Amino acid sequence: MAGWFGKEARLSFLPWEQWRRTVSEDDAALTYDHIAHSPHCSMDKAERLLGHRPRYTSLEATAEAVDWLVRAGTIKP
């Protein structure tokens, strides 16, 4: 995402137990729920069994959504 806005990402990894101490209890719970219930899965089985291939990759869908938010003025580049 940072690169889409002409910035360099400043990220570092923290193990879960260490990271959760850096945020509120509510934010840690919401993040854990997202991690536990929002997997990124391969579409190979859907293509093999149903002949279905999504129109967009997950990154393409994210890019389109962020672009819409920028055009709508919801977020600023």
PDB file of N, CA and C in Angstrom:
ATOM      1  N   MET A   1       0.813  -1.178   0.000  1.00  0.00           N
ATOM      2  CA  MET A   1       0.000   0.000   0.000  1.00  0.00           C
ATOM      3  C   MET A   1       0.859   1.246   0.000  1.00  0.00           C
ATOM      4  N   ALA A   2       1.895   1.261   0.784  1.00  0.00           N
ATOM      5  CA  ALA A   2       2.748   2.447   0.839  1.00  0.00           C
ATOM      6  C   ALA A   2       3.275   2.796  -0.547  1.00  0.00           C
ATOM      7  N   GLY A   3       3.702   1.796  -1.298  1.00  0.00           N
ATOM      8  CA  GLY A   3       4.229   2.018  -2.638  1.00  0.00           C
ATOM      9  C   GLY A   3       3.212   2.630  -3.572  1.00  0.00           C
ATOM     10  N   TRP A   4       1.931   2.300  -3.398  1.00  0.00           N
ATOM     11  CA  TRP A   4       0.882   2.879  -4.236  1.00  0.00           C
ATOM     12  C   TRP A   4       0.762   4.383  -4.014  1.00  0.00           C
ATOM     13  N   PHE A   5       1.233   4.849  -2.860  1.00  0.00           N
ATOM     14  CA  PHE A   5       1.165   6.266  -2.530  1.00  0.00           C
ATOM     15  C   PHE A   5       2.528   6.934  -2.594  1.00  0.00           C
ATOM     16  N   GLY A   6       3.499   6.252  -3.266  1.00  0.00           N
ATOM     17  CA  GLY A   6       4.824   6.829  -3.439  1.00  0.00           C
ATOM     18  C   GLY A   6       5.650   6.868  -2.167  1.00  0.00           C
ATOM     19  N   LYS A   7       5.324   6.027  -1.220  1.00  0.00           N
ATOM     20  CA  LYS A   7       6.038   5.977   0.062  1.00  0.00           C
ATOM     21  C   LYS A   7       6.730   4.628   0.207  1.00  0.00           C
ATOM     22  N   GLU A   8       7.654   4.576   1.130  1.00  0.00           N
ATOM     23  CA  GLU A   8       8.303   3.309   1.456  1.00  0.00           C
ATOM     24  C   GLU A   8       7.668   2.755   2.730  1.00  0.00           C
ATOM     25  N   ALA A   9       7.315   1.489   2.706  1.00  0.00           N
ATOM     26  CA  ALA A   9       6.714   0.871   3.893  1.00  0.00           C
ATOM     27  C   ALA A   9       7.745   0.780   5.008  1.00  0.00           C
ATOM     28  N   ARG A  10       7.309   1.128   6.202  1.00  0.00           N
ATOM     29  CA  ARG A  10       8.174   1.002   7.384  1.00  0.00           C
ATOM     30  C   ARG A  10       7.527  -0.026   8.305  1.00  0.00           C
ATOM     31  N   LEU A  11       7.800  -1.280   8.015  1.00  0.00           N
ATOM     32  CA  LEU A  11       7.180  -2.382   8.725  1.00  0.00           C
ATOM     33  C   LEU A  11       8.226  -3.210   9.457  1.00  0.00           C
ATOM     34  N   SER A  12       7.797  -3.779  10.552  1.00  0.00           N
ATOM     35  CA  SER A  12       8.644  -4.751  11.237  1.00  0.00           C
ATOM     36  C   SER A  12       7.733  -5.808  11.854  1.00  0.00           C
ATOM     37  N   PHE A  13       8.245  -6.995  11.997  1.00  0.00           N
ATOM     38  CA  PHE A  13       7.470  -8.106  12.533  1.00  0.00           C
ATOM     39  C   PHE A  13       7.612  -8.176  14.046  1.00  0.00           C
ATOM     40  N   LEU A  14       6.501  -8.398  14.724  1.00  0.00           N
ATOM     41  CA  LEU A  14       6.502  -8.704  16.153  1.00  0.00           C
ATOM     42  C   LEU A  14       5.697  -9.973  16.352  1.00  0.00           C
ATOM     43  N   PRO A  15       6.176 -10.904  17.161  1.00  0.00           N
ATOM     44  CA  PRO A  15       5.355 -12.075  17.478  1.00  0.00           C
ATOM     45  C   PRO A  15       4.032 -11.607  18.106  1.00  0.00           C
ATOM     46  N   TRP A  16       2.975 -12.391  17.914  1.00  0.00           N
ATOM     47  CA  TRP A  16       1.640 -12.002  18.368  1.00  0.00           C
ATOM     48  C   TRP A  16       1.627 -11.521  19.813  1.00  0.00           C
ATOM     49  N   GLU A  17       2.158 -12.286  20.734  1.00  0.00           N
ATOM     50  CA  GLU A  17       2.103 -11.916  22.156  1.00  0.00           C
ATOM     51  C   GLU A  17       2.770 -10.571  22.421  1.00  0.00           C
ATOM     52  N   GLN A  18       3.832 -10.290  21.727  1.00  0.00           N
ATOM     53  CA  GLN A  18       4.516  -9.008  21.891  1.00  0.00           C
ATOM     54  C   GLN A  18       3.711  -7.887  21.235  1.00  0.00           C
ATOM     55  N   TRP A  19       3.191  -8.134  20.034  1.00  0.00           N
ATOM     56  CA  TRP A  19       2.428  -7.111  19.317  1.00  0.00           C
ATOM     57  C   TRP A  19       1.179  -6.697  20.076  1.00  0.00           C
ATOM     58  N   ARG A  20       0.455  -7.681  20.613  1.00  0.00           N
ATOM     59  CA  ARG A  20      -0.818  -7.369  21.263  1.00  0.00           C
ATOM     60  C   ARG A  20      -0.666  -6.456  22.463  1.00  0.00           C
ATOM     61  N   ARG A  21       0.539  -6.398  23.037  1.00  0.00           N
ATOM     62  CA  ARG A  21       0.784  -5.483  24.160  1.00  0.00           C
ATOM     63  C   ARG A  21       0.979  -4.040  23.688  1.00  0.00           C
ATOM     64  N   THR A  22       1.078  -3.835  22.367  1.00  0.00           N
ATOM     65  CA  THR A  22       1.290  -2.482  21.832  1.00  0.00           C
ATOM     66  C   THR A  22      -0.019  -1.800  21.447  1.00  0.00           C
ATOM     67  N   VAL A  23      -1.147  -2.506  21.553  1.00  0.00           N
ATOM     68  CA  VAL A  23      -2.446  -1.955  21.168  1.00  0.00           C
ATOM     69  C   VAL A  23      -3.455  -2.178  22.287  1.00  0.00           C
ATOM     70  N   SER A  24      -4.610  -1.556  22.160  1.00  0.00           N
ATOM     71  CA  SER A  24      -5.657  -1.736  23.168  1.00  0.00           C
ATOM     72  C   SER A  24      -6.167  -3.179  23.141  1.00  0.00           C
ATOM     73  N   GLU A  25      -6.817  -3.570  24.220  1.00  0.00           N
ATOM     74  CA  GLU A  25      -7.383  -4.914  24.297  1.00  0.00           C
ATOM     75  C   GLU A  25      -8.431  -5.127  23.190  1.00  0.00           C
ATOM     76  N   ASP A  26      -9.241  -4.091  22.933  1.00  0.00           N
ATOM     77  CA  ASP A  26     -10.249  -4.184  21.868  1.00  0.00           C
ATOM     78  C   ASP A  26      -9.596  -4.366  20.501  1.00  0.00           C
ATOM     79  N   ASP A  27      -8.546  -3.578  20.217  1.00  0.00           N
ATOM     80  CA  ASP A  27      -7.871  -3.704  18.926  1.00  0.00           C
ATOM     81  C   ASP A  27      -7.215  -5.072  18.776  1.00  0.00           C
ATOM     82  N   ALA A  28      -6.644  -5.588  19.845  1.00  0.00           N
ATOM     83  CA  ALA A  28      -6.031  -6.917  19.796  1.00  0.00           C
ATOM     84  C   ALA A  28      -7.092  -7.977  19.515  1.00  0.00           C
ATOM     85  N   ALA A  29      -8.256  -7.863  20.142  1.00  0.00           N
ATOM     86  CA  ALA A  29      -9.336  -8.832  19.933  1.00  0.00           C
ATOM     87  C   ALA A  29      -9.848  -8.769  18.496  1.00  0.00           C
ATOM     88  N   LEU A  30     -10.038  -7.560  17.970  1.00  0.00           N
ATOM     89  CA  LEU A  30     -10.501  -7.413  16.591  1.00  0.00           C
ATOM     90  C   LEU A  30      -9.486  -7.970  15.600  1.00  0.00           C
ATOM     91  N   THR A  31      -8.214  -7.702  15.847  1.00  0.00           N
ATOM     92  CA  THR A  31      -7.167  -8.196  14.956  1.00  0.00           C
ATOM     93  C   THR A  31      -7.099  -9.721  15.002  1.00  0.00           C
ATOM     94  N   TYR A  32      -7.176 -10.289  16.195  1.00  0.00           N
ATOM     95  CA  TYR A  32      -7.136 -11.743  16.315  1.00  0.00           C
ATOM     96  C   TYR A  32      -8.318 -12.367  15.574  1.00  0.00           C
ATOM     97  N   ASP A  33      -9.510 -11.782  15.720  1.00  0.00           N
ATOM     98  CA  ASP A  33     -10.687 -12.298  15.037  1.00  0.00           C
ATOM     99  C   ASP A  33     -10.487 -12.253  13.521  1.00  0.00           C
ATOM    100  N   HIS A  34      -9.900 -11.165  13.034  1.00  0.00           N
ATOM    101  CA  HIS A  34      -9.628 -11.053  11.597  1.00  0.00           C
ATOM    102  C   HIS A  34      -8.634 -12.119  11.145  1.00  0.00           C
ATOM    103  N   ILE A  35      -7.553 -12.282  11.891  1.00  0.00           N
ATOM    104  CA  ILE A  35      -6.537 -13.284  11.538  1.00  0.00           C
ATOM    105  C   ILE A  35      -7.131 -14.697  11.559  1.00  0.00           C
ATOM    106  N   ALA A  36      -7.940 -14.978  12.563  1.00  0.00           N
ATOM    107  CA  ALA A  36      -8.486 -16.326  12.727  1.00  0.00           C
ATOM    108  C   ALA A  36      -9.567 -16.665  11.698  1.00  0.00           C
ATOM    109  N   HIS A  37     -10.289 -15.654  11.191  1.00  0.00           N
ATOM    110  CA  HIS A  37     -11.445 -15.935  10.349  1.00  0.00           C
ATOM    111  C   HIS A  37     -11.361 -15.371   8.935  1.00  0.00           C
ATOM    112  N   SER A  38     -10.237 -14.833   8.544  1.00  0.00           N
ATOM    113  CA  SER A  38     -10.124 -14.235   7.213  1.00  0.00           C
ATOM    114  C   SER A  38      -8.952 -14.832   6.441  1.00  0.00           C
ATOM    115  N   PRO A  39      -9.047 -16.112   6.100  1.00  0.00           N
ATOM    116  CA  PRO A  39      -7.933 -16.727   5.387  1.00  0.00           C
ATOM    117  C   PRO A  39      -7.853 -16.257   3.932  1.00  0.00           C
ATOM    118  N   HIS A  40      -6.699 -16.359   3.383  1.00  0.00           N
ATOM    119  CA  HIS A  40      -6.502 -16.113   1.948  1.00  0.00           C
ATOM    120  C   HIS A  40      -6.300 -17.491   1.329  1.00  0.00           C
ATOM    121  N   CYS A  41      -7.225 -17.900   0.509  1.00  0.00           N
ATOM    122  CA  CYS A  41      -7.215 -19.260  -0.027  1.00  0.00           C
ATOM    123  C   CYS A  41      -6.930 -19.267  -1.524  1.00  0.00           C
ATOM    124  N   SER A  42      -6.394 -20.374  -1.958  1.00  0.00           N
ATOM    125  CA  SER A  42      -6.176 -20.584  -3.387  1.00  0.00           C
ATOM    126  C   SER A  42      -7.517 -20.820  -4.078  1.00  0.00           C
ATOM    127  N   MET A  43      -7.635 -20.324  -5.290  1.00  0.00           N
ATOM    128  CA  MET A  43      -8.852 -20.535  -6.078  1.00  0.00           C
ATOM    129  C   MET A  43      -8.707 -21.736  -7.019  1.00  0.00           C
ATOM    130  N   ASP A  44      -7.624 -22.482  -6.886  1.00  0.00           N
ATOM    131  CA  ASP A  44      -7.372 -23.606  -7.787  1.00  0.00           C
ATOM    132  C   ASP A  44      -8.490 -24.646  -7.766  1.00  0.00           C
ATOM    133  N   LYS A  45      -9.021 -24.976  -6.578  1.00  0.00           N
ATOM    134  CA  LYS A  45     -10.068 -25.989  -6.488  1.00  0.00           C
ATOM    135  C   LYS A  45     -11.351 -25.507  -7.163  1.00  0.00           C
ATOM    136  N   ALA A  46     -11.712 -24.233  -6.959  1.00  0.00           N
ATOM    137  CA  ALA A  46     -12.910 -23.688  -7.611  1.00  0.00           C
ATOM    138  C   ALA A  46     -12.757 -23.718  -9.129  1.00  0.00           C
ATOM    139  N   GLU A  47     -11.552 -23.437  -9.586  1.00  0.00           N
ATOM    140  CA  GLU A  47     -11.325 -23.483 -11.037  1.00  0.00           C
ATOM    141  C   GLU A  47     -11.392 -24.918 -11.541  1.00  0.00           C
ATOM    142  N   ARG A  48     -10.764 -25.831 -10.813  1.00  0.00           N
ATOM    143  CA  ARG A  48     -10.721 -27.234 -11.243  1.00  0.00           C
ATOM    144  C   ARG A  48     -12.116 -27.866 -11.238  1.00  0.00           C
ATOM    145  N   LEU A  49     -12.907 -27.654 -10.171  1.00  0.00           N
ATOM    146  CA  LEU A  49     -14.201 -28.318 -10.048  1.00  0.00           C
ATOM    147  C   LEU A  49     -15.348 -27.567 -10.724  1.00  0.00           C
ATOM    148  N   LEU A  50     -15.274 -26.252 -10.729  1.00  0.00           N
ATOM    149  CA  LEU A  50     -16.397 -25.461 -11.230  1.00  0.00           C
ATOM    150  C   LEU A  50     -16.082 -24.644 -12.481  1.00  0.00           C
ATOM    151  N   GLY A  51     -14.795 -24.621 -12.842  1.00  0.00           N
ATOM    152  CA  GLY A  51     -14.403 -23.800 -13.973  1.00  0.00           C
ATOM    153  C   GLY A  51     -14.463 -22.309 -13.668  1.00  0.00           C
ATOM    154  N   HIS A  52     -14.459 -21.962 -12.382  1.00  0.00           N
ATOM    155  CA  HIS A  52     -14.575 -20.557 -11.971  1.00  0.00           C
ATOM    156  C   HIS A  52     -13.209 -19.957 -11.659  1.00  0.00           C
ATOM    157  N   ARG A  53     -12.981 -18.798 -12.190  1.00  0.00           N
ATOM    158  CA  ARG A  53     -11.770 -18.031 -11.873  1.00  0.00           C
ATOM    159  C   ARG A  53     -12.229 -16.613 -11.558  1.00  0.00           C
ATOM    160  N   PRO A  54     -11.873 -16.060 -10.397  1.00  0.00           N
ATOM    161  CA  PRO A  54     -12.302 -14.707 -10.051  1.00  0.00           C
ATOM    162  C   PRO A  54     -11.836 -13.686 -11.090  1.00  0.00           C
ATOM    163  N   ARG A  55     -12.612 -12.651 -11.229  1.00  0.00           N
ATOM    164  CA  ARG A  55     -12.285 -11.595 -12.180  1.00  0.00           C
ATOM    165  C   ARG A  55     -11.028 -10.837 -11.758  1.00  0.00           C
ATOM    166  N   TYR A  56     -10.837 -10.684 -10.457  1.00  0.00           N
ATOM    167  CA  TYR A  56      -9.699  -9.936  -9.914  1.00  0.00           C
ATOM    168  C   TYR A  56      -8.917 -10.789  -8.927  1.00  0.00           C
ATOM    169  N   THR A  57      -7.615 -10.541  -8.833  1.00  0.00           N
ATOM    170  CA  THR A  57      -6.841 -11.125  -7.736  1.00  0.00           C
ATOM    171  C   THR A  57      -7.166 -10.317  -6.478  1.00  0.00           C
ATOM    172  N   SER A  58      -6.760 -10.812  -5.330  1.00  0.00           N
ATOM    173  CA  SER A  58      -7.023 -10.074  -4.092  1.00  0.00           C
ATOM    174  C   SER A  58      -6.338  -8.704  -4.113  1.00  0.00           C
ATOM    175  N   LEU A  59      -5.132  -8.622  -4.659  1.00  0.00           N
ATOM    176  CA  LEU A  59      -4.442  -7.332  -4.727  1.00  0.00           C
ATOM    177  C   LEU A  59      -5.114  -6.384  -5.719  1.00  0.00           C
ATOM    178  N   GLU A  60      -5.608  -6.922  -6.837  1.00  0.00           N
ATOM    179  CA  GLU A  60      -6.318  -6.071  -7.798  1.00  0.00           C
ATOM    180  C   GLU A  60      -7.602  -5.517  -7.186  1.00  0.00           C
ATOM    181  N   ALA A  61      -8.325  -6.343  -6.453  1.00  0.00           N
ATOM    182  CA  ALA A  61      -9.561  -5.891  -5.804  1.00  0.00           C
ATOM    183  C   ALA A  61      -9.253  -4.827  -4.754  1.00  0.00           C
ATOM    184  N   THR A  62      -8.190  -5.033  -3.990  1.00  0.00           N
ATOM    185  CA  THR A  62      -7.792  -4.044  -2.988  1.00  0.00           C
ATOM    186  C   THR A  62      -7.398  -2.736  -3.654  1.00  0.00           C
ATOM    187  N   ALA A  63      -6.622  -2.814  -4.721  1.00  0.00           N
ATOM    188  CA  ALA A  63      -6.193  -1.609  -5.432  1.00  0.00           C
ATOM    189  C   ALA A  63      -7.398  -0.842  -5.969  1.00  0.00           C
ATOM    190  N   GLU A  64      -8.379  -1.545  -6.522  1.00  0.00           N
ATOM    191  CA  GLU A  64      -9.571  -0.877  -7.045  1.00  0.00           C
ATOM    192  C   GLU A  64     -10.357  -0.206  -5.916  1.00  0.00           C
ATOM    193  N   ALA A  65     -10.478  -0.891  -4.780  1.00  0.00           N
ATOM    194  CA  ALA A  65     -11.208  -0.317  -3.643  1.00  0.00           C
ATOM    195  C   ALA A  65     -10.497   0.925  -3.103  1.00  0.00           C
ATOM    196  N   VAL A  66      -9.188   0.854  -2.960  1.00  0.00           N
ATOM    197  CA  VAL A  66      -8.428   2.007  -2.455  1.00  0.00           C
ATOM    198  C   VAL A  66      -8.499   3.155  -3.445  1.00  0.00           C
ATOM    199  N   ASP A  67      -8.417   2.855  -4.726  1.00  0.00           N
ATOM    200  CA  ASP A  67      -8.534   3.899  -5.745  1.00  0.00           C
ATOM    201  C   ASP A  67      -9.892   4.591  -5.644  1.00  0.00           C
ATOM    202  N   TRP A  68     -10.952   3.828  -5.442  1.00  0.00           N
ATOM    203  CA  TRP A  68     -12.285   4.405  -5.286  1.00  0.00           C
ATOM    204  C   TRP A  68     -12.327   5.311  -4.055  1.00  0.00           C
ATOM    205  N   LEU A  69     -11.736   4.861  -2.935  1.00  0.00           N
ATOM    206  CA  LEU A  69     -11.720   5.673  -1.713  1.00  0.00           C
ATOM    207  C   LEU A  69     -10.963   6.979  -1.925  1.00  0.00           C
ATOM    208  N   VAL A  70      -9.882   6.949  -2.690  1.00  0.00           N
ATOM    209  CA  VAL A  70      -9.121   8.169  -2.997  1.00  0.00           C
ATOM    210  C   VAL A  70      -9.992   9.101  -3.850  1.00  0.00           C
ATOM    211  N   ARG A  71     -10.613   8.565  -4.907  1.00  0.00           N
ATOM    212  CA  ARG A  71     -11.446   9.395  -5.782  1.00  0.00           C
ATOM    213  C   ARG A  71     -12.635   9.978  -5.032  1.00  0.00           C
ATOM    214  N   ALA A  72     -13.167   9.237  -4.069  1.00  0.00           N
ATOM    215  CA  ALA A  72     -14.320   9.701  -3.282  1.00  0.00           C
ATOM    216  C   ALA A  72     -13.904  10.699  -2.199  1.00  0.00           C
ATOM    217  N   GLY A  73     -12.586  10.850  -2.002  1.00  0.00           N
ATOM    218  CA  GLY A  73     -12.102  11.782  -0.984  1.00  0.00           C
ATOM    219  C   GLY A  73     -12.111  11.226   0.426  1.00  0.00           C
ATOM    220  N   THR A  74     -12.370   9.924   0.545  1.00  0.00           N
ATOM    221  CA  THR A  74     -12.409   9.286   1.857  1.00  0.00           C
ATOM    222  C   THR A  74     -11.006   9.181   2.459  1.00  0.00           C
ATOM    223  N   ILE A  75     -10.019   8.893   1.606  1.00  0.00           N
ATOM    224  CA  ILE A  75      -8.627   8.877   2.040  1.00  0.00           C
ATOM    225  C   ILE A  75      -7.824   9.749   1.082  1.00  0.00           C
ATOM    226  N   LYS A  76      -6.720  10.275   1.580  1.00  0.00           N
ATOM    227  CA  LYS A  76      -5.881  11.155   0.771  1.00  0.00           C
ATOM    228  C   LYS A  76      -4.573  10.476   0.451  1.00  0.00           C
ATOM    229  N   PRO A  77      -4.125  10.597  -0.821  1.00  0.00           N
ATOM    230  CA  PRO A  77      -2.850   9.965  -1.211  1.00  0.00           C
ATOM    231  C   PRO A  77      -1.660  10.609  -0.520  1.00  0.00           C
TER     232      PRO A  77
END
